[in-house]
Amino acid sequence: MEIFLDTANIDEIKAILPWGVISGLTTNQKIFSCEKGVNFKERVMEILKLVKGPVSIEVTKTTGTDQELVEEAKEYAGWGSNIVIKIPMWSDGRGLRVASTLRDLGIKTNITCLMSTNQMILATKVGATYASLFFNRIKDSKEDPLRAISESRQIIEESGSATKIIVGSIRKPEDVSEAVVAGAHVMTIPYKILVQMPFHLKTEETIKEFDTAWLEFKKSEKCK
């Protein structure tokens, strides 16, 4: 199981990298919209200098032709060998057509905005490098994300597909453990959630107890 950071913020990346727990990063248009006043390509290049693992960038020419989407993807892929192109699972099949073309060009893909096992089946069939299930957005639609994850993992294992399941749309730390147990290959986690994960009240109380005991021990040493 891998952890990716879900952000385009340089300060967040620099804060988490020293932890040694993340092996990649994901972005999208909404994430970049939070980074006011930055140049898109310059920010991506900054990210690539910091993150050596897979970095997912989403196509934006959503009203364009298949060829325009492919050309946009080729441009982004040229920015770094670890770039992964995010392609939405459009209902008209455009995403699958584009992903198929990119596969043939040797460009890594992440088919995104998946809400069902059926969509995951299609993503694996076109050879997506990654396929992203949206945990809480599936819940929002009154469906079961844990079932979608476990079914998808079973299908991938039984078919021998190389596609890895990324689970995103994480809103609380508990979502992470649930999705991992269900079979996620990769969790992509926002900074505000990831920084909560080391915390447990009982852990803090125990550390304090041990520190107090050590101070008492050192005090007794001085008395001898």
C-alpha atoms as a PDB file:
ATOM      1  CA  MET A   1       0.000   0.000   0.000  1.00  0.00           C
ATOM      2  CA  GLU A   2       1.284   3.445  -0.966  1.00  0.00           C
ATOM      3  CA  ILE A   3       0.404   6.956   0.210  1.00  0.00           C
ATOM      4  CA  PHE A   4       0.236   9.901  -2.188  1.00  0.00           C
ATOM      5  CA  LEU A   5      -0.255  13.506  -1.071  1.00  0.00           C
ATOM      6  CA  ASP A   6      -3.290  15.201  -2.632  1.00  0.00           C
ATOM      7  CA  THR A   7      -2.125  18.802  -3.073  1.00  0.00           C
ATOM      8  CA  ALA A   8      -0.393  21.378  -5.262  1.00  0.00           C
ATOM      9  CA  ASN A   9       0.879  23.410  -2.308  1.00  0.00           C
ATOM     10  CA  ILE A  10       4.667  23.558  -1.988  1.00  0.00           C
ATOM     11  CA  ASP A  11       4.645  24.263   1.766  1.00  0.00           C
ATOM     12  CA  GLU A  12       2.466  21.197   2.371  1.00  0.00           C
ATOM     13  CA  ILE A  13       4.754  19.026   0.278  1.00  0.00           C
ATOM     14  CA  LYS A  14       7.861  20.265   2.096  1.00  0.00           C
ATOM     15  CA  ALA A  15       6.208  19.666   5.462  1.00  0.00           C
ATOM     16  CA  ILE A  16       5.269  16.047   4.707  1.00  0.00           C
ATOM     17  CA  LEU A  17       8.225  14.809   2.643  1.00  0.00           C
ATOM     18  CA  PRO A  18      10.555  14.479   5.691  1.00  0.00           C
ATOM     19  CA  TRP A  19       8.072  12.053   7.251  1.00  0.00           C
ATOM     20  CA  GLY A  20       9.186   9.521   4.632  1.00  0.00           C
ATOM     21  CA  VAL A  21       5.668   8.170   4.056  1.00  0.00           C
ATOM     22  CA  ILE A  22       4.603   9.548   0.667  1.00  0.00           C
ATOM     23  CA  SER A  23       5.699   8.041  -2.635  1.00  0.00           C
ATOM     24  CA  GLY A  24       3.703  10.191  -5.058  1.00  0.00           C
ATOM     25  CA  LEU A  25       1.306  13.096  -5.489  1.00  0.00           C
ATOM     26  CA  THR A  26      -2.045  13.832  -7.122  1.00  0.00           C
ATOM     27  CA  THR A  27      -3.565  17.096  -8.299  1.00  0.00           C
ATOM     28  CA  ASN A  28      -6.635  18.285 -10.171  1.00  0.00           C
ATOM     29  CA  GLN A  29      -8.189  21.545 -11.334  1.00  0.00           C
ATOM     30  CA  LYS A  30      -9.919  22.163  -8.009  1.00  0.00           C
ATOM     31  CA  ILE A  31      -6.676  21.671  -6.088  1.00  0.00           C
ATOM     32  CA  PHE A  32      -4.838  24.093  -8.381  1.00  0.00           C
ATOM     33  CA  SER A  33      -7.648  26.655  -8.006  1.00  0.00           C
ATOM     34  CA  CYS A  34      -6.611  26.988  -4.343  1.00  0.00           C
ATOM     35  CA  GLU A  35      -3.110  28.071  -5.405  1.00  0.00           C
ATOM     36  CA  LYS A  36      -3.863  31.708  -6.212  1.00  0.00           C
ATOM     37  CA  GLY A  37      -1.600  33.593  -8.587  1.00  0.00           C
ATOM     38  CA  VAL A  38       0.707  30.735  -9.599  1.00  0.00           C
ATOM     39  CA  ASN A  39       1.743  29.730 -13.098  1.00  0.00           C
ATOM     40  CA  PHE A  40       0.508  26.195 -13.764  1.00  0.00           C
ATOM     41  CA  LYS A  41       3.606  24.840 -15.512  1.00  0.00           C
ATOM     42  CA  GLU A  42       6.008  26.553 -13.112  1.00  0.00           C
ATOM     43  CA  ARG A  43       4.197  25.053 -10.109  1.00  0.00           C
ATOM     44  CA  VAL A  44       4.220  21.586 -11.664  1.00  0.00           C
ATOM     45  CA  MET A  45       7.964  21.900 -12.288  1.00  0.00           C
ATOM     46  CA  GLU A  46       8.449  22.933  -8.644  1.00  0.00           C
ATOM     47  CA  ILE A  47       6.519  19.840  -7.553  1.00  0.00           C
ATOM     48  CA  LEU A  48       8.585  17.587  -9.800  1.00  0.00           C
ATOM     49  CA  LYS A  49      11.783  18.828  -8.171  1.00  0.00           C
ATOM     50  CA  LEU A  50      10.459  17.700  -4.792  1.00  0.00           C
ATOM     51  CA  VAL A  51       8.447  14.564  -5.554  1.00  0.00           C
ATOM     52  CA  LYS A  52      10.345  11.798  -7.312  1.00  0.00           C
ATOM     53  CA  GLY A  53       7.439   9.365  -7.499  1.00  0.00           C
ATOM     54  CA  PRO A  54       4.321   9.520  -9.715  1.00  0.00           C
ATOM     55  CA  VAL A  55       2.736  12.981 -10.050  1.00  0.00           C
ATOM     56  CA  SER A  56      -0.789  13.016 -11.489  1.00  0.00           C
ATOM     57  CA  ILE A  57      -1.909  16.031 -13.550  1.00  0.00           C
ATOM     58  CA  GLU A  58      -5.396  16.221 -15.054  1.00  0.00           C
ATOM     59  CA  VAL A  59      -6.257  17.266 -18.590  1.00  0.00           C
ATOM     60  CA  THR A  60      -8.258  20.515 -18.805  1.00  0.00           C
ATOM     61  CA  LYS A  61      -9.422  20.689 -22.445  1.00  0.00           C
ATOM     62  CA  THR A  62     -12.623  18.931 -21.456  1.00  0.00           C
ATOM     63  CA  THR A  63     -14.668  20.371 -24.337  1.00  0.00           C
ATOM     64  CA  GLY A  64     -11.964  19.606 -26.888  1.00  0.00           C
ATOM     65  CA  THR A  65     -11.601  16.779 -29.358  1.00  0.00           C
ATOM     66  CA  ASP A  66      -9.876  13.504 -28.575  1.00  0.00           C
ATOM     67  CA  GLN A  67      -6.806  14.753 -30.439  1.00  0.00           C
ATOM     68  CA  GLU A  68      -6.708  18.004 -28.450  1.00  0.00           C
ATOM     69  CA  LEU A  69      -6.838  16.013 -25.226  1.00  0.00           C
ATOM     70  CA  VAL A  70      -4.072  13.712 -26.447  1.00  0.00           C
ATOM     71  CA  GLU A  71      -1.901  16.689 -27.428  1.00  0.00           C
ATOM     72  CA  GLU A  72      -2.462  18.291 -24.001  1.00  0.00           C
ATOM     73  CA  ALA A  73      -1.518  15.013 -22.332  1.00  0.00           C
ATOM     74  CA  LYS A  74       1.618  14.682 -24.482  1.00  0.00           C
ATOM     75  CA  GLU A  75       2.684  18.195 -23.490  1.00  0.00           C
ATOM     76  CA  TYR A  76       2.307  17.468 -19.778  1.00  0.00           C
ATOM     77  CA  ALA A  77       4.013  14.091 -20.088  1.00  0.00           C
ATOM     78  CA  GLY A  78       6.989  15.878 -21.617  1.00  0.00           C
ATOM     79  CA  TRP A  79       7.533  17.863 -18.433  1.00  0.00           C
ATOM     80  CA  GLY A  80       8.850  14.869 -16.504  1.00  0.00           C
ATOM     81  CA  SER A  81       9.246  11.101 -16.686  1.00  0.00           C
ATOM     82  CA  ASN A  82       7.160  10.648 -13.527  1.00  0.00           C
ATOM     83  CA  ILE A  83       4.118  12.554 -14.849  1.00  0.00           C
ATOM     84  CA  VAL A  84       0.863  10.577 -14.892  1.00  0.00           C
ATOM     85  CA  ILE A  85      -2.029  11.976 -16.940  1.00  0.00           C
ATOM     86  CA  LYS A  86      -5.435  12.032 -15.251  1.00  0.00           C
ATOM     87  CA  ILE A  87      -8.298  11.338 -17.668  1.00  0.00           C
ATOM     88  CA  PRO A  88     -11.907  11.591 -16.446  1.00  0.00           C
ATOM     89  CA  MET A  89     -14.295   8.687 -17.013  1.00  0.00           C
ATOM     90  CA  TRP A  90     -16.653  10.645 -19.283  1.00  0.00           C
ATOM     91  CA  SER A  91     -19.961   8.888 -19.916  1.00  0.00           C
ATOM     92  CA  ASP A  92     -19.550   9.103 -23.709  1.00  0.00           C
ATOM     93  CA  GLY A  93     -16.419   6.961 -23.662  1.00  0.00           C
ATOM     94  CA  ARG A  94     -14.044   9.811 -24.595  1.00  0.00           C
ATOM     95  CA  GLY A  95     -11.895   9.134 -21.571  1.00  0.00           C
ATOM     96  CA  LEU A  96     -11.457   5.513 -22.554  1.00  0.00           C
ATOM     97  CA  ARG A  97     -10.577   6.436 -26.139  1.00  0.00           C
ATOM     98  CA  VAL A  98      -7.995   8.972 -24.983  1.00  0.00           C
ATOM     99  CA  ALA A  99      -6.555   6.618 -22.357  1.00  0.00           C
ATOM    100  CA  SER A 100      -6.210   3.884 -25.002  1.00  0.00           C
ATOM    101  CA  THR A 101      -4.298   6.251 -27.261  1.00  0.00           C
ATOM    102  CA  LEU A 102      -2.017   7.374 -24.446  1.00  0.00           C
ATOM    103  CA  ARG A 103      -1.350   3.748 -23.505  1.00  0.00           C
ATOM    104  CA  ASP A 104      -0.214   3.083 -27.076  1.00  0.00           C
ATOM    105  CA  LEU A 105       2.064   6.146 -26.849  1.00  0.00           C
ATOM    106  CA  GLY A 106       3.635   4.816 -23.657  1.00  0.00           C
ATOM    107  CA  ILE A 107       2.170   7.606 -21.485  1.00  0.00           C
ATOM    108  CA  LYS A 108       1.111   6.664 -17.957  1.00  0.00           C
ATOM    109  CA  THR A 109      -2.561   7.340 -17.131  1.00  0.00           C
ATOM    110  CA  ASN A 110      -4.814   7.725 -14.123  1.00  0.00           C
ATOM    111  CA  ILE A 111      -8.481   7.327 -15.058  1.00  0.00           C
ATOM    112  CA  THR A 112     -10.293   9.445 -12.517  1.00  0.00           C
ATOM    113  CA  CYS A 113     -13.700  10.299 -11.035  1.00  0.00           C
ATOM    114  CA  LEU A 114     -14.655   6.626 -10.740  1.00  0.00           C
ATOM    115  CA  MET A 115     -17.729   5.856  -8.657  1.00  0.00           C
ATOM    116  CA  SER A 116     -18.424   2.205  -9.493  1.00  0.00           C
ATOM    117  CA  THR A 117     -16.909  -1.212 -10.079  1.00  0.00           C
ATOM    118  CA  ASN A 118     -18.153  -1.173 -13.688  1.00  0.00           C
ATOM    119  CA  GLN A 119     -16.106   1.949 -14.357  1.00  0.00           C
ATOM    120  CA  MET A 120     -13.075   0.274 -12.788  1.00  0.00           C
ATOM    121  CA  ILE A 121     -13.516  -2.729 -15.088  1.00  0.00           C
ATOM    122  CA  LEU A 122     -13.337  -0.430 -18.118  1.00  0.00           C
ATOM    123  CA  ALA A 123     -10.300   1.402 -16.740  1.00  0.00           C
ATOM    124  CA  THR A 124      -8.413  -1.871 -16.330  1.00  0.00           C
ATOM    125  CA  LYS A 125      -9.361  -3.007 -19.842  1.00  0.00           C
ATOM    126  CA  VAL A 126      -7.721   0.055 -21.431  1.00  0.00           C
ATOM    127  CA  GLY A 127      -4.568  -0.515 -19.390  1.00  0.00           C
ATOM    128  CA  ALA A 128      -4.763   2.480 -17.064  1.00  0.00           C
ATOM    129  CA  THR A 129      -1.690   2.743 -14.864  1.00  0.00           C
ATOM    130  CA  TYR A 130      -3.923   3.933 -12.043  1.00  0.00           C
ATOM    131  CA  ALA A 131      -7.683   4.254 -11.593  1.00  0.00           C
ATOM    132  CA  SER A 132      -9.117   6.562  -8.936  1.00  0.00           C
ATOM    133  CA  LEU A 133     -12.198   5.725  -6.871  1.00  0.00           C
ATOM    134  CA  PHE A 134     -13.685   8.686  -4.985  1.00  0.00           C
ATOM    135  CA  PHE A 135     -14.469   7.332  -1.518  1.00  0.00           C
ATOM    136  CA  ASN A 136     -16.793   9.955  -0.045  1.00  0.00           C
ATOM    137  CA  ARG A 137     -18.327  11.019  -3.344  1.00  0.00           C
ATOM    138  CA  ILE A 138     -19.443   7.393  -3.729  1.00  0.00           C
ATOM    139  CA  LYS A 139     -20.967   7.681  -0.262  1.00  0.00           C
ATOM    140  CA  ASP A 140     -22.635  10.946  -1.308  1.00  0.00           C
ATOM    141  CA  SER A 141     -24.396   9.033  -4.084  1.00  0.00           C
ATOM    142  CA  LYS A 142     -25.765   6.592  -1.443  1.00  0.00           C
ATOM    143  CA  GLU A 143     -23.548   3.761  -2.657  1.00  0.00           C
ATOM    144  CA  ASP A 144     -20.896   1.720  -0.839  1.00  0.00           C
ATOM    145  CA  PRO A 145     -17.262   2.720  -1.496  1.00  0.00           C
ATOM    146  CA  LEU A 146     -15.879  -0.261   0.435  1.00  0.00           C
ATOM    147  CA  ARG A 147     -17.730  -2.643  -1.848  1.00  0.00           C
ATOM    148  CA  ALA A 148     -16.445  -0.817  -4.937  1.00  0.00           C
ATOM    149  CA  ILE A 149     -12.866  -1.023  -3.632  1.00  0.00           C
ATOM    150  CA  SER A 150     -12.992  -4.689  -2.635  1.00  0.00           C
ATOM    151  CA  GLU A 151     -14.748  -5.757  -5.854  1.00  0.00           C
ATOM    152  CA  SER A 152     -12.258  -3.781  -7.936  1.00  0.00           C
ATOM    153  CA  ARG A 153      -9.286  -5.319  -6.112  1.00  0.00           C
ATOM    154  CA  GLN A 154     -10.705  -8.806  -6.648  1.00  0.00           C
ATOM    155  CA  ILE A 155     -11.204  -8.180 -10.368  1.00  0.00           C
ATOM    156  CA  ILE A 156      -7.680  -6.814 -10.752  1.00  0.00           C
ATOM    157  CA  GLU A 157      -6.130  -9.740  -8.874  1.00  0.00           C
ATOM    158  CA  GLU A 158      -8.093 -12.379 -10.780  1.00  0.00           C
ATOM    159  CA  SER A 159      -7.541 -10.811 -14.205  1.00  0.00           C
ATOM    160  CA  GLY A 160      -3.836 -10.146 -13.695  1.00  0.00           C
ATOM    161  CA  SER A 161      -4.306  -6.473 -14.535  1.00  0.00           C
ATOM    162  CA  ALA A 162      -1.446  -4.109 -13.668  1.00  0.00           C
ATOM    163  CA  THR A 163      -3.826  -1.215 -12.880  1.00  0.00           C
ATOM    164  CA  LYS A 164      -3.481   0.134  -9.338  1.00  0.00           C
ATOM    165  CA  ILE A 165      -6.485   1.408  -7.402  1.00  0.00           C
ATOM    166  CA  ILE A 166      -6.064   4.907  -6.007  1.00  0.00           C
ATOM    167  CA  VAL A 167      -8.654   5.912  -3.415  1.00  0.00           C
ATOM    168  CA  GLY A 168      -9.246   9.640  -2.990  1.00  0.00           C
ATOM    169  CA  SER A 169     -12.009  11.930  -1.723  1.00  0.00           C
ATOM    170  CA  ILE A 170     -10.825  11.402   1.852  1.00  0.00           C
ATOM    171  CA  ARG A 171     -12.505  13.552   4.501  1.00  0.00           C
ATOM    172  CA  LYS A 172     -11.359  12.047   7.801  1.00  0.00           C
ATOM    173  CA  PRO A 173      -8.542   9.778   9.030  1.00  0.00           C
ATOM    174  CA  GLU A 174     -10.893   6.832   9.511  1.00  0.00           C
ATOM    175  CA  ASP A 175     -11.588   6.803   5.764  1.00  0.00           C
ATOM    176  CA  VAL A 176      -7.967   5.859   5.165  1.00  0.00           C
ATOM    177  CA  SER A 177      -7.886   2.706   7.265  1.00  0.00           C
ATOM    178  CA  GLU A 178     -11.268   1.564   5.934  1.00  0.00           C
ATOM    179  CA  ALA A 179     -10.164   1.950   2.328  1.00  0.00           C
ATOM    180  CA  VAL A 180      -6.807   0.241   2.910  1.00  0.00           C
ATOM    181  CA  VAL A 181      -8.462  -2.756   4.561  1.00  0.00           C
ATOM    182  CA  ALA A 182     -10.923  -2.934   1.639  1.00  0.00           C
ATOM    183  CA  GLY A 183      -8.015  -3.290  -0.802  1.00  0.00           C
ATOM    184  CA  ALA A 184      -6.770   0.100  -2.029  1.00  0.00           C
ATOM    185  CA  HIS A 185      -3.316  -0.051  -3.608  1.00  0.00           C
ATOM    186  CA  VAL A 186      -2.784   3.678  -3.083  1.00  0.00           C
ATOM    187  CA  MET A 187      -4.357   6.257  -0.777  1.00  0.00           C
ATOM    188  CA  THR A 188      -4.186   9.869  -1.893  1.00  0.00           C
ATOM    189  CA  ILE A 189      -4.670  12.006   1.184  1.00  0.00           C
ATOM    190  CA  PRO A 190      -5.057  15.775   1.657  1.00  0.00           C
ATOM    191  CA  TYR A 191      -2.521  17.465   3.920  1.00  0.00           C
ATOM    192  CA  LYS A 192      -5.154  18.430   6.508  1.00  0.00           C
ATOM    193  CA  ILE A 193      -6.107  14.763   6.927  1.00  0.00           C
ATOM    194  CA  LEU A 194      -2.610  13.311   6.790  1.00  0.00           C
ATOM    195  CA  VAL A 195      -1.356  15.538   9.614  1.00  0.00           C
ATOM    196  CA  GLN A 196      -4.130  14.191  11.855  1.00  0.00           C
ATOM    197  CA  MET A 197      -3.135  10.563  11.370  1.00  0.00           C
ATOM    198  CA  PRO A 198      -0.220  10.388  13.852  1.00  0.00           C
ATOM    199  CA  PHE A 199      -2.458  11.625  16.669  1.00  0.00           C
ATOM    200  CA  HIS A 200      -4.145   9.442  19.278  1.00  0.00           C
ATOM    201  CA  LEU A 201      -5.101  10.846  22.662  1.00  0.00           C
ATOM    202  CA  LYS A 202      -3.938   7.742  24.520  1.00  0.00           C
ATOM    203  CA  THR A 203      -0.583   7.901  22.737  1.00  0.00           C
ATOM    204  CA  GLU A 204      -0.109  11.495  23.920  1.00  0.00           C
ATOM    205  CA  GLU A 205      -1.078  10.548  27.480  1.00  0.00           C
ATOM    206  CA  THR A 206       1.316   7.577  27.453  1.00  0.00           C
ATOM    207  CA  ILE A 207       4.251   9.655  26.174  1.00  0.00           C
ATOM    208  CA  LYS A 208       3.594  12.238  28.878  1.00  0.00           C
ATOM    209  CA  GLU A 209       3.438   9.484  31.509  1.00  0.00           C
ATOM    210  CA  PHE A 210       6.769   8.027  30.371  1.00  0.00           C
ATOM    211  CA  ASP A 211       8.421  11.468  30.258  1.00  0.00           C
ATOM    212  CA  THR A 212       7.214  12.220  33.795  1.00  0.00           C
ATOM    213  CA  ALA A 213       8.514   8.864  35.035  1.00  0.00           C
ATOM    214  CA  TRP A 214      11.920   9.571  33.475  1.00  0.00           C
ATOM    215  CA  LEU A 215      12.137  12.978  35.133  1.00  0.00           C
ATOM    216  CA  GLU A 216      11.361  11.353  38.480  1.00  0.00           C
ATOM    217  CA  PHE A 217      14.048   8.745  37.842  1.00  0.00           C
ATOM    218  CA  LYS A 218      16.656  11.397  36.990  1.00  0.00           C
ATOM    219  CA  LYS A 219      15.684  13.349  40.104  1.00  0.00           C
ATOM    220  CA  SER A 220      16.225  10.253  42.285  1.00  0.00           C
ATOM    221  CA  GLU A 221      19.676   9.715  40.726  1.00  0.00           C
ATOM    222  CA  LYS A 222      20.783  13.167  41.865  1.00  0.00           C
ATOM    223  CA  CYS A 223      19.730  12.413  45.421  1.00  0.00           C
ATOM    224  CA  LYS A 224      22.284   9.567  45.787  1.00  0.00           C
END
